[in-house]
Protein backbone atom coordinates (compact mmCIF):
# COMPACT_ATOMS: atom_id res chain seq x y z
CA UNK A 1 43.91 0.94 -15.65
CA UNK A 2 47.55 0.42 -14.61
CA UNK A 3 48.63 0.18 -10.93
CA UNK A 4 49.83 3.78 -10.77
CA UNK A 5 46.55 5.16 -12.20
CA UNK A 6 44.55 2.89 -9.86
CA UNK A 7 46.29 4.25 -6.81
CA UNK A 8 45.81 7.81 -8.07
CA UNK A 9 42.11 7.13 -8.61
CA UNK A 10 41.62 5.86 -5.15
CA UNK A 11 43.44 8.89 -3.68
CA UNK A 12 41.40 11.25 -5.81
CA UNK A 13 38.11 9.59 -4.75
CA UNK A 14 39.10 9.80 -1.09
CA UNK A 15 39.88 13.45 -1.33
CA UNK A 16 36.72 14.16 -3.39
CA UNK A 17 34.14 12.09 -1.49
CA UNK A 18 35.51 11.93 2.03
CA UNK A 19 37.44 15.22 2.34
CA UNK A 20 35.02 17.34 0.21
CA UNK A 21 37.93 18.68 -1.92
CA UNK A 22 37.18 20.20 -5.31
CA UNK A 23 38.74 18.78 -8.41
CA UNK A 24 41.04 21.87 -8.69
CA UNK A 25 42.17 21.28 -5.08
CA UNK A 26 42.80 17.59 -5.72
CA UNK A 27 44.83 18.48 -8.83
CA UNK A 28 47.03 20.79 -6.79
CA UNK A 29 47.55 18.22 -4.02
CA UNK A 30 48.36 15.33 -6.53
CA UNK A 31 50.10 17.58 -9.08
CA UNK A 32 47.54 16.70 -11.81
CA UNK A 33 45.41 18.74 -14.13
CA UNK A 34 41.69 19.15 -13.34
CA UNK A 35 40.97 17.20 -16.51
CA UNK A 36 43.08 14.25 -15.16
CA UNK A 37 41.38 14.33 -11.84
CA UNK A 38 37.90 14.18 -13.49
CA UNK A 39 39.10 11.21 -15.67
CA UNK A 40 40.35 9.40 -12.52
CA UNK A 41 37.06 9.87 -10.69
CA UNK A 42 35.11 8.53 -13.61
CA UNK A 43 37.37 5.51 -13.87
CA UNK A 44 37.09 4.89 -10.13
CA UNK A 45 33.25 4.66 -10.61
CA UNK A 46 33.61 2.37 -13.59
CA UNK A 47 36.01 0.09 -11.70
CA UNK A 48 33.67 -0.13 -8.77
CA UNK A 49 35.96 1.63 -6.25
CA UNK A 50 33.19 4.08 -5.35
CA UNK A 51 29.83 3.17 -3.86
CA UNK A 52 27.37 5.96 -3.41
CA UNK A 53 24.28 5.42 -1.09
CA UNK A 54 21.43 7.83 -1.02
CA UNK A 55 19.31 7.25 2.12
CA UNK A 56 16.26 9.50 1.52
CA UNK A 57 13.00 7.47 1.80
CA UNK A 58 12.57 7.74 -1.98
CA UNK A 59 16.12 6.85 -2.80
CA UNK A 60 17.36 4.14 -5.21
CA UNK A 61 13.87 3.10 -6.31
CA UNK A 62 13.44 5.36 -9.34
CA UNK A 63 13.48 2.40 -11.85
CA UNK A 64 10.63 0.69 -9.92
CA UNK A 65 8.69 3.95 -10.00
CA UNK A 66 9.15 4.38 -13.67
CA UNK A 67 7.99 0.82 -14.33
CA UNK A 68 4.89 1.27 -12.20
CA UNK A 69 3.95 4.48 -13.97
CA UNK A 70 4.36 2.79 -17.36
CA UNK A 71 2.73 -0.49 -16.47
CA UNK A 72 -0.38 0.93 -14.68
CA UNK A 73 -0.76 4.30 -16.42
CA UNK A 74 -0.04 6.21 -13.18
CA UNK A 75 0.80 9.87 -13.09
CA UNK A 76 3.37 9.20 -10.49
CA UNK A 77 4.65 6.61 -8.02
CA UNK A 78 6.71 6.68 -4.87
CA UNK A 79 8.52 3.53 -3.72
CA UNK A 80 10.28 3.45 -0.42
CA UNK A 81 12.82 0.81 0.68
CA UNK A 82 11.60 -2.41 2.38
CA UNK A 83 13.05 -5.71 3.58
CA UNK A 84 11.77 -9.01 4.79
CA UNK A 85 12.64 -8.06 8.32
CA UNK A 86 10.26 -5.05 8.41
CA UNK A 87 7.36 -5.37 10.80
CA UNK A 88 3.98 -4.03 9.59
CA UNK A 89 3.75 -0.89 11.77
CA UNK A 90 7.29 0.13 10.97
CA UNK A 91 6.90 -0.38 7.24
CA UNK A 92 3.49 1.44 7.26
CA UNK A 93 5.09 4.38 9.07
CA UNK A 94 7.90 4.61 6.60
CA UNK A 95 5.53 4.53 3.55
CA UNK A 96 3.32 7.08 5.31
CA UNK A 97 6.40 9.32 5.67
CA UNK A 98 6.95 8.95 1.92
CA UNK A 99 3.45 9.93 1.26
CA UNK A 100 3.80 12.96 3.46
CA UNK A 101 7.00 13.99 1.65
CA UNK A 102 5.25 13.57 -1.68
CA UNK A 103 2.29 15.63 -0.63
CA UNK A 104 4.59 18.35 0.66
CA UNK A 105 6.52 18.44 -2.64
CA UNK A 106 3.30 19.02 -4.78
CA UNK A 107 3.36 22.36 -6.53
CA UNK A 108 0.97 23.86 -6.54
CA UNK A 109 -0.22 22.35 -3.26
CA UNK A 110 -3.77 21.02 -3.37
CA UNK A 111 -6.35 23.67 -2.56
CA UNK A 112 -9.01 21.06 -1.53
CA UNK A 113 -7.85 17.69 -0.30
CA UNK A 114 -10.31 14.86 0.29
CA UNK A 115 -9.11 12.39 2.92
CA UNK A 116 -10.15 8.99 4.15
CA UNK A 117 -9.21 7.72 7.58
CA UNK A 118 -7.59 4.67 9.23
CA UNK A 119 -4.24 3.58 10.57
CA UNK A 120 -2.22 4.54 7.48
CA UNK A 121 -3.90 7.86 7.09
CA UNK A 122 -3.24 8.63 10.72
CA UNK A 123 0.44 7.90 10.15
CA UNK A 124 0.47 10.23 7.14
CA UNK A 125 -1.05 12.99 9.22
CA UNK A 126 1.59 12.52 11.94
CA UNK A 127 4.41 12.58 9.33
CA UNK A 128 3.33 15.82 7.65
CA UNK A 129 5.49 18.78 8.68
CA UNK A 130 4.05 22.09 9.86
CA UNK A 131 3.47 24.45 6.90
CA UNK A 132 3.30 21.70 4.27
CA UNK A 133 0.68 23.90 2.57
CA UNK A 134 -0.89 27.28 2.93
CA UNK A 135 -4.59 27.48 3.47
CA UNK A 136 -5.59 23.98 2.39
CA UNK A 137 -9.15 22.89 2.72
CA UNK A 138 -9.34 19.31 3.99
CA UNK A 139 -12.56 17.40 3.53
CA UNK A 140 -13.42 14.06 5.14
CA UNK A 141 -14.72 11.83 2.36
CA UNK A 142 -16.22 8.91 4.27
CA UNK A 143 -18.15 8.80 7.57
CA UNK A 144 -16.11 7.87 10.63
CA UNK A 145 -18.25 8.37 13.77
CA UNK A 146 -17.38 5.37 15.92
CA UNK A 147 -20.29 3.09 16.97
CA UNK A 148 -18.48 1.78 20.08
CA UNK A 149 -16.47 3.26 22.89
CA UNK A 150 -13.25 3.20 20.98
CA UNK A 151 -12.51 6.65 19.51
CA UNK A 152 -12.29 6.95 15.76
CA UNK A 153 -9.22 8.59 14.20
CA UNK A 154 -11.32 10.08 11.31
CA UNK A 155 -11.78 13.57 12.70
CA UNK A 156 -8.29 13.80 14.21
CA UNK A 157 -6.73 12.78 10.92
CA UNK A 158 -8.47 15.44 8.90
CA UNK A 159 -8.05 18.11 11.51
CA UNK A 160 -4.27 17.42 11.87
CA UNK A 161 -3.63 17.57 8.14
CA UNK A 162 -5.56 20.74 7.85
CA UNK A 163 -3.93 22.54 10.80
CA UNK A 164 -0.43 21.59 9.58
CA UNK A 165 -1.37 22.97 6.17
CA UNK A 166 -2.55 26.33 7.59
CA UNK A 167 -6.20 25.54 6.59
CA UNK A 168 -9.49 24.21 7.79
CA UNK A 169 -11.18 20.80 8.04
CA UNK A 170 -14.68 19.90 7.01
CA UNK A 171 -15.81 16.75 8.81
CA UNK A 172 -18.48 14.32 7.71
CA UNK A 173 -20.65 14.04 10.88
CA UNK A 174 -22.00 10.55 10.23
CA UNK A 175 -21.26 6.85 10.75
CA UNK A 176 -19.57 5.13 7.82
CA UNK A 177 -22.29 2.49 7.57
CA UNK A 178 -25.90 2.91 8.59
CA UNK A 179 -28.23 0.15 9.71
CA UNK A 180 -30.91 0.90 7.06
CA UNK A 181 -30.56 2.28 3.58
CA UNK A 182 -33.48 4.61 4.16
CA UNK A 183 -31.66 6.11 7.17
CA UNK A 184 -28.62 6.64 5.06
CA UNK A 185 -30.56 8.43 2.37
CA UNK A 186 -32.26 10.67 4.99
CA UNK A 187 -28.89 11.60 6.47
CA UNK A 188 -27.16 12.36 3.24
CA UNK A 189 -30.07 14.53 2.15
CA UNK A 190 -29.71 16.62 5.32
CA UNK A 191 -28.48 20.13 4.27
CA UNK A 192 -25.24 20.01 6.39
CA UNK A 193 -24.28 16.55 5.34
CA UNK A 194 -25.10 17.13 1.66
CA UNK A 195 -22.81 20.21 1.74
CA UNK A 196 -19.91 18.06 2.92
CA UNK A 197 -20.62 15.36 0.32
CA UNK A 198 -20.74 17.92 -2.43
CA UNK A 199 -17.48 19.44 -1.25
CA UNK A 200 -15.89 15.92 -1.17
CA UNK A 201 -17.07 15.22 -4.69
CA UNK A 202 -15.44 18.36 -5.98
CA UNK A 203 -12.08 18.10 -4.21
CA UNK A 204 -9.03 18.71 -6.39
CA UNK A 205 -6.98 15.84 -4.84
CA UNK A 206 -7.87 12.73 -2.89
CA UNK A 207 -5.57 10.99 -0.35
CA UNK A 208 -6.58 7.51 0.85
CA UNK A 209 -5.47 4.07 1.82
CA UNK A 210 -7.18 0.67 1.43
CA UNK A 211 -7.96 -1.89 4.06
CA UNK A 212 -8.07 -5.68 4.21
CA UNK A 213 -11.24 -7.61 4.51
CA UNK A 214 -10.62 -9.22 7.92
CA UNK A 215 -11.39 -8.89 11.54
CA UNK A 216 -8.54 -6.42 12.05
CA UNK A 217 -10.32 -3.90 9.78
CA UNK A 218 -10.86 -0.49 11.36
CA UNK A 219 -14.53 -0.89 10.36
CA UNK A 220 -14.76 -4.03 12.66
CA UNK A 221 -12.88 -2.25 15.40
CA UNK A 222 -15.17 0.82 15.10
CA UNK A 223 -18.29 -1.38 15.53
CA UNK A 224 -19.62 -1.14 11.93
CA UNK A 225 -19.10 -4.84 10.95
CA UNK A 226 -19.02 -8.12 12.78
CA UNK A 227 -16.83 -11.14 12.19
CA UNK A 228 -19.80 -12.79 10.44
CA UNK A 229 -20.15 -9.77 8.16
CA UNK A 230 -16.49 -10.07 7.20
CA UNK A 231 -16.84 -13.87 6.55
CA UNK A 232 -19.86 -13.16 4.30
CA UNK A 233 -18.08 -10.43 2.35
CA UNK A 234 -15.05 -12.73 1.72
CA UNK A 235 -17.35 -15.54 0.58
CA UNK A 236 -18.75 -13.07 -1.98
CA UNK A 237 -15.31 -12.29 -3.33
CA UNK A 238 -14.42 -9.11 -1.44
CA UNK A 239 -10.70 -8.23 -1.72
CA UNK A 240 -10.39 -4.70 -0.37
CA UNK A 241 -12.09 -1.93 1.52
CA UNK A 242 -11.57 1.37 -0.32
CA UNK A 243 -13.04 4.40 1.40
CA UNK A 244 -15.49 2.09 3.21
CA UNK A 245 -16.61 0.39 -0.06
CA UNK A 246 -15.99 -3.35 -0.49
CA UNK A 247 -14.81 -4.38 -3.88
CA UNK A 248 -13.75 -7.46 -5.65
CA UNK A 249 -10.52 -8.10 -7.66
CA UNK A 250 -12.09 -6.30 -10.65
CA UNK A 251 -12.90 -3.18 -8.69
CA UNK A 252 -16.64 -3.83 -8.55
CA UNK A 253 -18.84 -3.29 -5.51
CA UNK A 254 -19.27 -6.71 -3.93
CA UNK A 255 -22.46 -6.19 -1.75
CA UNK A 256 -24.82 -3.61 -3.16
CA UNK A 257 -27.13 -3.69 -0.11
CA UNK A 258 -24.19 -2.86 2.16
CA UNK A 259 -23.06 -0.18 -0.29
CA UNK A 260 -26.49 1.37 -0.17
CA UNK A 261 -25.99 1.84 3.60
CA UNK A 262 -22.52 3.29 3.31
CA UNK A 263 -22.21 7.01 3.45
CA UNK A 264 -19.43 8.95 1.68
CA UNK A 265 -17.67 9.37 -1.62
CA UNK A 266 -18.45 6.73 -4.16
CA UNK A 267 -15.96 4.44 -5.90
CA UNK A 268 -16.92 5.89 -9.23
CA UNK A 269 -16.10 9.40 -8.00
CA UNK A 270 -12.72 8.23 -6.83
CA UNK A 271 -12.02 6.42 -10.17
CA UNK A 272 -12.97 9.52 -12.17
CA UNK A 273 -10.64 11.89 -10.21
CA UNK A 274 -7.73 13.48 -11.96
CA UNK A 275 -5.60 13.22 -8.77
CA UNK A 276 -6.03 10.40 -6.31
CA UNK A 277 -3.05 9.38 -4.14
CA UNK A 278 -3.24 5.76 -2.67
CA UNK A 279 -0.92 4.94 0.21
CA UNK A 280 -0.70 1.18 0.61
CA UNK A 281 2.08 -0.88 2.23
CA UNK A 282 2.96 -4.36 3.40
CA UNK A 283 2.77 -7.98 2.23
CA UNK A 284 -0.73 -8.44 3.62
CA UNK A 285 -1.92 -5.73 1.18
CA UNK A 286 -0.20 -6.95 -2.00
CA UNK A 287 -3.48 -8.11 -3.56
CA UNK A 288 -5.32 -5.07 -2.29
CA UNK A 289 -2.75 -2.78 -3.92
CA UNK A 290 -3.04 -4.78 -7.22
CA UNK A 291 -6.79 -4.28 -7.15
CA UNK A 292 -6.51 -0.60 -6.57
CA UNK A 293 -3.87 0.18 -9.25
CA UNK A 294 -5.14 -2.18 -11.95
CA UNK A 295 -8.66 -0.83 -11.70
CA UNK A 296 -7.93 2.89 -12.06
CA UNK A 297 -8.65 3.84 -8.44
CA UNK A 298 -5.63 5.99 -8.10
CA UNK A 299 -3.44 8.27 -10.23
CA UNK A 300 -0.48 8.15 -7.77
CA UNK A 301 0.71 5.11 -5.74
CA UNK A 302 2.93 5.40 -2.61
CA UNK A 303 4.08 1.94 -1.60
CA UNK A 304 7.07 -0.09 -0.49
CA UNK A 305 9.68 -1.84 -2.58
CA UNK A 306 8.44 -5.37 -2.04
CA UNK A 307 4.80 -4.44 -2.92
CA UNK A 308 6.03 -2.65 -6.07
CA UNK A 309 7.96 -5.69 -7.13
CA UNK A 310 4.94 -7.92 -6.52
CA UNK A 311 2.72 -5.62 -8.62
CA UNK A 312 5.13 -5.71 -11.52
CA UNK A 313 5.68 -9.44 -11.40
CA UNK A 314 1.96 -10.13 -11.17
CA UNK A 315 1.48 -8.39 -14.49
CA UNK A 316 4.00 -10.45 -16.44
């Protein structure tokens, strides 16, 4: 490109991108044909005179999304921007916003949506806009009645998602983990509880996150597990808490006696679903996310850029 064309290209780009002029208008102003203006704009892009930035939460990450779908056999993936300066709550909120935008974009919208609970799911519920669906039936898929004085977010999460979607919420009126397996079996055989569990098992779409196996877990904060319980689970190889079920790196239940006392949707039911959206973000959950996607526990992943990069590099 000679100096005259370079100057014309810059002028054309300024008029087109900054002043919102059409190519015909630019041609009239610069005494050029529309064809010449189009050629100058293309040359300006090729020479690097123009830098276009899209700032939507899903912007500029499409190659990562395509790679995730291909590498892990996912139906879809959503990757939001992240940086090393992000703090965990901020990043989790941004990824939750991406999940809310994805859920809102689904057509048709889910008629029955099974949801878990926890901090990330609370953020998703808060990010969903009013009217994201019409008449959605939201079903709580794992128990969430708190065992201590701290209120659980389980019911509020399901109710908020349902209300914003113009529908109703069906709650699972039970603790997540019972003290005795016999008690758990008795509760799940109760007619009311059994109806909720059956509805959860037949949901058309699931929306869930996955937790770390540490003392910051919502299951510890809600009074279900002690620090000693967490230490024991880690020693057995537990990597993640998925809908209240503790699994190892291969996606297997790590403590069958604990699993027998846990009330809610099973890992096998989640794995068999045709539509399961996992929302997982942050460096502390890199290995957790790898466990979920590599063991077929989700069909759609919503995550951040750094986690997506980690997943892809760990498979090379």
